Amino acid sequence: MKQINVLSSRSENLDLVDGKQSPACHYSNEGRYTYAVGAVTHDGVSYWLKGGGNVTTKVVKVADYGAVKIELSGGSGFDCSISVDVADGQQLMVSYIPMTTGEKDQAVLCGKAEKAAGFALATLKNLK
C-alpha cells in the first residue's frame, strides 16, 4: 500500500470479466484515486484479445509476464486496466481509477496500473 500511496483497502467481489464475480480488493487514497486488484479464475487474458466491446487492447509485458493493457475506446482520463496472464485460464486484473478530473493523461494512468500490477505480482510470488 505504501508503494502506491494508498491509505485504505477493502475486499469485495467484482464483476471483472464476462459477468462473473471475482475476489478483489479496492485500495484508496481518500477520494483522489483508487486501484482495484482482482483474481479472475474463470477466464484468461485471451478474453480481452477476442475483440468487441468498447475497449482498446494492447499486448504488453509486466515483470516478464504476458499482459494486456485495456483502455476505454474513444475516451481518456477515465481509467486503465492491466490484465496479467498468471496461469492457464486465469488472470490478475489491476485497474487504476482517478476519482478527480485532474488526471487526464492516459499514458500516466496506464503507467500507474502497470506499476501496481508489478507490485501485485511480486506479492504473489512471495506468497508461494
N, C-alpha and C. Protein backbone atom coordinates (compact mmCIF):
# COMPACT_ATOMS: atom_id res chain seq x y z
N MET A 1 0.83 -1.19 0.00
CA MET A 1 0.00 0.00 0.00
C MET A 1 0.87 1.25 0.00
N LYS A 2 1.99 1.17 0.71
CA LYS A 2 2.88 2.32 0.77
C LYS A 2 3.46 2.64 -0.62
N GLN A 3 3.79 1.60 -1.40
CA GLN A 3 4.41 1.81 -2.70
C GLN A 3 3.50 2.52 -3.70
N ILE A 4 2.18 2.35 -3.56
CA ILE A 4 1.24 3.02 -4.47
C ILE A 4 0.50 4.17 -3.76
N ASN A 5 0.97 4.51 -2.57
CA ASN A 5 0.48 5.67 -1.83
C ASN A 5 -1.04 5.62 -1.60
N VAL A 6 -1.50 4.49 -1.07
CA VAL A 6 -2.91 4.39 -0.71
C VAL A 6 -3.04 4.27 0.80
N LEU A 7 -4.19 4.68 1.29
CA LEU A 7 -4.39 4.78 2.73
C LEU A 7 -5.31 3.72 3.30
N SER A 8 -6.18 3.15 2.45
CA SER A 8 -7.13 2.17 2.96
C SER A 8 -7.39 1.09 1.92
N SER A 9 -7.92 -0.03 2.39
CA SER A 9 -8.27 -1.12 1.47
C SER A 9 -9.51 -1.82 1.99
N ARG A 10 -10.21 -2.46 1.05
CA ARG A 10 -11.37 -3.27 1.43
C ARG A 10 -11.51 -4.39 0.40
N SER A 11 -11.91 -5.55 0.85
CA SER A 11 -12.11 -6.67 -0.07
C SER A 11 -13.58 -6.72 -0.48
N GLU A 12 -13.79 -7.23 -1.69
CA GLU A 12 -15.15 -7.38 -2.20
C GLU A 12 -15.09 -8.27 -3.43
N ASN A 13 -16.23 -8.67 -3.93
CA ASN A 13 -16.33 -9.40 -5.18
C ASN A 13 -16.75 -8.41 -6.26
N LEU A 14 -16.06 -8.46 -7.41
CA LEU A 14 -16.35 -7.55 -8.51
C LEU A 14 -16.63 -8.32 -9.79
N ASP A 15 -17.47 -7.74 -10.62
CA ASP A 15 -17.73 -8.27 -11.96
C ASP A 15 -16.62 -7.74 -12.86
N LEU A 16 -15.55 -8.49 -13.00
CA LEU A 16 -14.39 -8.05 -13.77
C LEU A 16 -14.40 -8.56 -15.20
N VAL A 17 -14.85 -9.79 -15.40
CA VAL A 17 -14.82 -10.42 -16.72
C VAL A 17 -16.08 -11.24 -16.94
N ASP A 18 -16.75 -10.95 -18.04
CA ASP A 18 -17.84 -11.79 -18.54
C ASP A 18 -19.00 -11.98 -17.57
N GLY A 19 -19.29 -10.96 -16.76
CA GLY A 19 -20.46 -11.01 -15.88
C GLY A 19 -20.34 -11.94 -14.69
N LYS A 20 -19.14 -12.42 -14.40
CA LYS A 20 -18.95 -13.32 -13.26
C LYS A 20 -18.15 -12.62 -12.17
N GLN A 21 -18.47 -12.92 -10.94
CA GLN A 21 -17.82 -12.30 -9.79
C GLN A 21 -16.43 -12.89 -9.56
N SER A 22 -15.50 -12.03 -9.16
CA SER A 22 -14.14 -12.44 -8.83
C SER A 22 -13.74 -11.77 -7.52
N PRO A 23 -12.95 -12.46 -6.70
CA PRO A 23 -12.48 -11.83 -5.47
C PRO A 23 -11.51 -10.69 -5.81
N ALA A 24 -11.69 -9.57 -5.13
CA ALA A 24 -10.88 -8.39 -5.44
C ALA A 24 -10.70 -7.53 -4.19
N CYS A 25 -9.79 -6.57 -4.32
CA CYS A 25 -9.58 -5.57 -3.28
C CYS A 25 -9.54 -4.20 -3.92
N HIS A 26 -10.09 -3.23 -3.21
CA HIS A 26 -10.00 -1.83 -3.61
C HIS A 26 -9.01 -1.16 -2.68
N TYR A 27 -8.11 -0.40 -3.25
CA TYR A 27 -7.13 0.37 -2.49
C TYR A 27 -7.38 1.83 -2.80
N SER A 28 -7.56 2.66 -1.77
CA SER A 28 -7.99 4.04 -1.99
C SER A 28 -7.05 5.06 -1.37
N ASN A 29 -6.99 6.22 -2.01
CA ASN A 29 -6.27 7.36 -1.48
C ASN A 29 -7.28 8.47 -1.20
N GLU A 30 -8.21 8.18 -0.33
CA GLU A 30 -9.18 9.16 0.18
C GLU A 30 -9.79 10.07 -0.88
N GLY A 31 -10.39 9.47 -1.89
CA GLY A 31 -11.13 10.24 -2.87
C GLY A 31 -10.32 10.79 -4.03
N ARG A 32 -9.00 10.62 -4.03
CA ARG A 32 -8.18 11.11 -5.15
C ARG A 32 -8.08 10.06 -6.25
N TYR A 33 -7.86 8.82 -5.87
CA TYR A 33 -7.80 7.72 -6.84
C TYR A 33 -7.98 6.40 -6.10
N THR A 34 -8.25 5.35 -6.89
CA THR A 34 -8.38 4.02 -6.33
C THR A 34 -7.76 3.01 -7.29
N TYR A 35 -7.31 1.92 -6.73
CA TYR A 35 -6.85 0.77 -7.50
C TYR A 35 -7.80 -0.38 -7.19
N ALA A 36 -8.14 -1.17 -8.20
CA ALA A 36 -8.88 -2.41 -7.99
C ALA A 36 -7.97 -3.53 -8.45
N VAL A 37 -7.80 -4.54 -7.61
CA VAL A 37 -6.95 -5.68 -7.92
C VAL A 37 -7.79 -6.93 -7.73
N GLY A 38 -7.93 -7.72 -8.80
CA GLY A 38 -8.79 -8.89 -8.73
C GLY A 38 -8.16 -10.13 -9.33
N ALA A 39 -8.54 -11.28 -8.79
CA ALA A 39 -8.08 -12.58 -9.28
C ALA A 39 -9.22 -13.22 -10.07
N VAL A 40 -9.05 -13.28 -11.39
CA VAL A 40 -10.07 -13.87 -12.26
C VAL A 40 -9.65 -15.31 -12.55
N THR A 41 -10.44 -16.27 -12.08
CA THR A 41 -10.07 -17.67 -12.25
C THR A 41 -10.92 -18.40 -13.29
N HIS A 42 -11.87 -17.71 -13.91
CA HIS A 42 -12.76 -18.37 -14.87
C HIS A 42 -12.46 -18.04 -16.32
N ASP A 43 -11.52 -17.13 -16.60
CA ASP A 43 -11.21 -16.77 -17.98
C ASP A 43 -9.85 -16.07 -18.01
N GLY A 44 -9.01 -16.45 -18.94
CA GLY A 44 -7.67 -15.88 -19.04
C GLY A 44 -7.62 -14.59 -19.84
N VAL A 45 -6.41 -14.09 -20.06
CA VAL A 45 -6.23 -12.82 -20.76
C VAL A 45 -6.70 -12.88 -22.21
N SER A 46 -6.81 -14.06 -22.77
CA SER A 46 -7.28 -14.17 -24.16
C SER A 46 -8.69 -13.59 -24.31
N TYR A 47 -9.44 -13.52 -23.23
CA TYR A 47 -10.76 -12.91 -23.24
C TYR A 47 -10.70 -11.50 -23.83
N TRP A 48 -9.66 -10.74 -23.47
CA TRP A 48 -9.54 -9.35 -23.89
C TRP A 48 -9.08 -9.21 -25.34
N LEU A 49 -8.51 -10.27 -25.87
CA LEU A 49 -7.96 -10.20 -27.23
C LEU A 49 -8.95 -10.67 -28.30
N LYS A 50 -10.14 -11.08 -27.89
CA LYS A 50 -11.17 -11.56 -28.83
C LYS A 50 -11.79 -10.42 -29.63
N GLY A 51 -11.64 -9.19 -29.15
CA GLY A 51 -12.26 -8.05 -29.82
C GLY A 51 -13.68 -7.85 -29.35
N GLY A 52 -14.30 -6.82 -29.86
CA GLY A 52 -15.67 -6.50 -29.45
C GLY A 52 -15.65 -5.62 -28.21
N GLY A 53 -16.80 -5.17 -27.84
CA GLY A 53 -16.91 -4.31 -26.67
C GLY A 53 -16.41 -2.91 -26.96
N ASN A 54 -16.31 -2.13 -25.94
CA ASN A 54 -15.94 -0.73 -26.06
C ASN A 54 -14.55 -0.48 -25.48
N VAL A 55 -13.63 -1.42 -25.73
CA VAL A 55 -12.27 -1.27 -25.20
C VAL A 55 -11.24 -1.45 -26.31
N THR A 56 -10.10 -0.82 -26.09
CA THR A 56 -8.94 -0.98 -26.95
C THR A 56 -7.91 -1.75 -26.15
N THR A 57 -7.29 -2.75 -26.77
CA THR A 57 -6.32 -3.57 -26.04
C THR A 57 -4.97 -3.56 -26.74
N LYS A 58 -3.93 -3.80 -25.94
CA LYS A 58 -2.58 -3.89 -26.47
C LYS A 58 -1.81 -4.90 -25.62
N VAL A 59 -1.10 -5.82 -26.29
CA VAL A 59 -0.28 -6.80 -25.57
C VAL A 59 0.96 -6.08 -25.02
N VAL A 60 1.24 -6.30 -23.73
CA VAL A 60 2.39 -5.70 -23.05
C VAL A 60 3.05 -6.76 -22.16
N LYS A 61 4.12 -6.40 -21.51
CA LYS A 61 4.78 -7.26 -20.51
C LYS A 61 4.78 -6.54 -19.18
N VAL A 62 4.55 -7.28 -18.12
CA VAL A 62 4.65 -6.75 -16.77
C VAL A 62 5.48 -7.75 -15.97
N ALA A 63 6.66 -7.32 -15.53
CA ALA A 63 7.55 -8.17 -14.75
C ALA A 63 7.77 -9.53 -15.42
N ASP A 64 8.03 -9.51 -16.71
CA ASP A 64 8.28 -10.70 -17.52
C ASP A 64 7.06 -11.61 -17.70
N TYR A 65 5.88 -11.15 -17.38
CA TYR A 65 4.64 -11.88 -17.63
C TYR A 65 3.95 -11.23 -18.83
N GLY A 66 3.32 -12.05 -19.65
CA GLY A 66 2.48 -11.52 -20.70
C GLY A 66 1.28 -10.84 -20.08
N ALA A 67 0.86 -9.73 -20.68
CA ALA A 67 -0.26 -8.98 -20.13
C ALA A 67 -0.96 -8.22 -21.26
N VAL A 68 -2.15 -7.71 -20.94
CA VAL A 68 -2.92 -6.92 -21.89
C VAL A 68 -3.30 -5.61 -21.22
N LYS A 69 -3.01 -4.50 -21.90
CA LYS A 69 -3.45 -3.18 -21.43
C LYS A 69 -4.84 -2.95 -22.00
N ILE A 70 -5.78 -2.53 -21.16
CA ILE A 70 -7.18 -2.36 -21.54
C ILE A 70 -7.60 -0.93 -21.26
N GLU A 71 -8.04 -0.24 -22.32
CA GLU A 71 -8.47 1.15 -22.19
C GLU A 71 -9.85 1.33 -22.81
N LEU A 72 -10.63 2.21 -22.25
CA LEU A 72 -11.93 2.55 -22.80
C LEU A 72 -11.73 3.22 -24.16
N SER A 73 -12.39 2.72 -25.19
CA SER A 73 -12.24 3.29 -26.53
C SER A 73 -12.86 4.68 -26.59
N GLY A 74 -12.17 5.59 -27.27
CA GLY A 74 -12.71 6.92 -27.51
C GLY A 74 -12.68 7.85 -26.32
N GLY A 75 -12.03 7.46 -25.26
CA GLY A 75 -12.00 8.32 -24.08
C GLY A 75 -10.61 8.38 -23.49
N SER A 76 -10.40 9.35 -22.64
CA SER A 76 -9.12 9.49 -21.98
C SER A 76 -9.35 10.00 -20.57
N GLY A 77 -8.53 9.53 -19.64
CA GLY A 77 -8.60 10.03 -18.28
C GLY A 77 -9.64 9.37 -17.40
N PHE A 78 -10.25 8.28 -17.88
CA PHE A 78 -11.27 7.60 -17.06
C PHE A 78 -10.64 6.54 -16.18
N ASP A 79 -9.86 5.64 -16.78
CA ASP A 79 -9.18 4.59 -16.06
C ASP A 79 -8.26 3.84 -17.01
N CYS A 80 -7.52 2.89 -16.47
CA CYS A 80 -6.71 1.98 -17.28
C CYS A 80 -6.60 0.69 -16.51
N SER A 81 -6.70 -0.43 -17.22
CA SER A 81 -6.59 -1.73 -16.59
C SER A 81 -5.49 -2.55 -17.25
N ILE A 82 -4.86 -3.39 -16.45
CA ILE A 82 -3.84 -4.32 -16.92
C ILE A 82 -4.30 -5.72 -16.51
N SER A 83 -4.33 -6.62 -17.47
CA SER A 83 -4.68 -8.00 -17.19
C SER A 83 -3.44 -8.84 -17.41
N VAL A 84 -2.96 -9.50 -16.35
CA VAL A 84 -1.72 -10.26 -16.40
C VAL A 84 -2.03 -11.75 -16.50
N ASP A 85 -1.38 -12.42 -17.43
CA ASP A 85 -1.54 -13.85 -17.65
C ASP A 85 -0.74 -14.60 -16.59
N VAL A 86 -1.42 -15.05 -15.54
CA VAL A 86 -0.73 -15.71 -14.43
C VAL A 86 -0.82 -17.23 -14.47
N ALA A 87 -1.78 -17.78 -15.22
CA ALA A 87 -1.93 -19.23 -15.35
C ALA A 87 -2.94 -19.49 -16.46
N ASP A 88 -2.98 -20.73 -16.95
CA ASP A 88 -3.95 -21.07 -17.99
C ASP A 88 -5.36 -20.76 -17.50
N GLY A 89 -6.07 -19.93 -18.27
CA GLY A 89 -7.46 -19.60 -17.93
C GLY A 89 -7.62 -18.70 -16.72
N GLN A 90 -6.54 -18.04 -16.29
CA GLN A 90 -6.61 -17.17 -15.11
C GLN A 90 -5.85 -15.88 -15.38
N GLN A 91 -6.30 -14.82 -14.76
CA GLN A 91 -5.64 -13.52 -14.92
C GLN A 91 -5.71 -12.72 -13.63
N LEU A 92 -4.72 -11.87 -13.48
CA LEU A 92 -4.71 -10.90 -12.40
C LEU A 92 -5.04 -9.57 -13.04
N MET A 93 -6.13 -8.95 -12.61
CA MET A 93 -6.53 -7.66 -13.17
C MET A 93 -6.23 -6.55 -12.18
N VAL A 94 -5.60 -5.49 -12.69
CA VAL A 94 -5.29 -4.32 -11.88
C VAL A 94 -5.79 -3.10 -12.64
N SER A 95 -6.62 -2.30 -11.98
CA SER A 95 -7.15 -1.07 -12.60
C SER A 95 -6.76 0.13 -11.76
N TYR A 96 -6.44 1.21 -12.46
CA TYR A 96 -6.20 2.49 -11.80
C TYR A 96 -7.33 3.42 -12.21
N ILE A 97 -8.02 4.00 -11.22
CA ILE A 97 -9.19 4.83 -11.49
C ILE A 97 -9.03 6.16 -10.75
N PRO A 98 -8.79 7.26 -11.50
CA PRO A 98 -8.73 8.57 -10.83
C PRO A 98 -10.13 9.00 -10.41
N MET A 99 -10.24 9.57 -9.25
CA MET A 99 -11.54 9.99 -8.73
C MET A 99 -11.76 11.50 -8.89
N THR A 100 -10.75 12.19 -9.38
CA THR A 100 -10.87 13.62 -9.64
C THR A 100 -10.63 13.86 -11.12
N THR A 101 -10.92 15.03 -11.59
CA THR A 101 -10.74 15.35 -13.00
C THR A 101 -9.32 15.82 -13.31
N GLY A 102 -8.45 15.84 -12.33
CA GLY A 102 -7.10 16.35 -12.53
C GLY A 102 -6.20 15.46 -13.38
N GLU A 103 -6.45 14.16 -13.39
CA GLU A 103 -5.60 13.24 -14.15
C GLU A 103 -6.29 12.87 -15.45
N LYS A 104 -5.75 13.36 -16.56
CA LYS A 104 -6.34 13.07 -17.87
C LYS A 104 -5.38 12.37 -18.82
N ASP A 105 -4.09 12.34 -18.51
CA ASP A 105 -3.10 11.74 -19.39
C ASP A 105 -3.21 10.22 -19.31
N GLN A 106 -3.70 9.60 -20.38
CA GLN A 106 -3.94 8.17 -20.38
C GLN A 106 -2.65 7.38 -20.17
N ALA A 107 -1.53 7.85 -20.70
CA ALA A 107 -0.25 7.16 -20.52
C ALA A 107 0.13 7.12 -19.03
N VAL A 108 -0.16 8.19 -18.31
CA VAL A 108 0.14 8.23 -16.87
C VAL A 108 -0.75 7.24 -16.13
N LEU A 109 -2.04 7.22 -16.45
CA LEU A 109 -2.96 6.29 -15.81
C LEU A 109 -2.52 4.84 -16.04
N CYS A 110 -2.19 4.52 -17.28
CA CYS A 110 -1.76 3.15 -17.59
C CYS A 110 -0.43 2.81 -16.94
N GLY A 111 0.46 3.80 -16.85
CA GLY A 111 1.73 3.58 -16.16
C GLY A 111 1.52 3.23 -14.70
N LYS A 112 0.57 3.89 -14.06
CA LYS A 112 0.27 3.60 -12.65
C LYS A 112 -0.35 2.20 -12.49
N ALA A 113 -1.22 1.82 -13.43
CA ALA A 113 -1.81 0.47 -13.39
C ALA A 113 -0.73 -0.60 -13.58
N GLU A 114 0.18 -0.37 -14.53
CA GLU A 114 1.26 -1.33 -14.77
C GLU A 114 2.18 -1.45 -13.56
N LYS A 115 2.51 -0.33 -12.96
CA LYS A 115 3.37 -0.34 -11.78
C LYS A 115 2.73 -1.13 -10.63
N ALA A 116 1.44 -0.88 -10.39
CA ALA A 116 0.72 -1.60 -9.33
C ALA A 116 0.62 -3.09 -9.65
N ALA A 117 0.45 -3.43 -10.94
CA ALA A 117 0.41 -4.84 -11.33
C ALA A 117 1.74 -5.51 -11.02
N GLY A 118 2.84 -4.81 -11.26
CA GLY A 118 4.15 -5.36 -10.92
C GLY A 118 4.30 -5.62 -9.44
N PHE A 119 3.81 -4.69 -8.61
CA PHE A 119 3.85 -4.90 -7.16
C PHE A 119 2.97 -6.08 -6.74
N ALA A 120 1.80 -6.20 -7.35
CA ALA A 120 0.90 -7.32 -7.03
C ALA A 120 1.54 -8.65 -7.40
N LEU A 121 2.20 -8.70 -8.56
CA LEU A 121 2.90 -9.94 -8.96
C LEU A 121 4.01 -10.29 -7.99
N ALA A 122 4.77 -9.30 -7.54
CA ALA A 122 5.84 -9.54 -6.58
C ALA A 122 5.27 -10.12 -5.28
N THR A 123 4.13 -9.60 -4.86
CA THR A 123 3.48 -10.11 -3.65
C THR A 123 3.03 -11.56 -3.86
N LEU A 124 2.44 -11.85 -5.01
CA LEU A 124 2.00 -13.22 -5.29
C LEU A 124 3.18 -14.21 -5.27
N LYS A 125 4.31 -13.80 -5.85
CA LYS A 125 5.49 -14.66 -5.86
C LYS A 125 5.96 -14.95 -4.45
N ASN A 126 5.90 -13.95 -3.56
CA ASN A 126 6.34 -14.13 -2.18
C ASN A 126 5.39 -15.01 -1.38
N LEU A 127 4.15 -15.16 -1.83
CA LEU A 127 3.17 -15.96 -1.11
C LEU A 127 3.28 -17.45 -1.42
N LYS A 128 4.02 -17.80 -2.45
CA LYS A 128 4.14 -19.23 -2.85
C LYS A 128 4.78 -20.06 -1.78
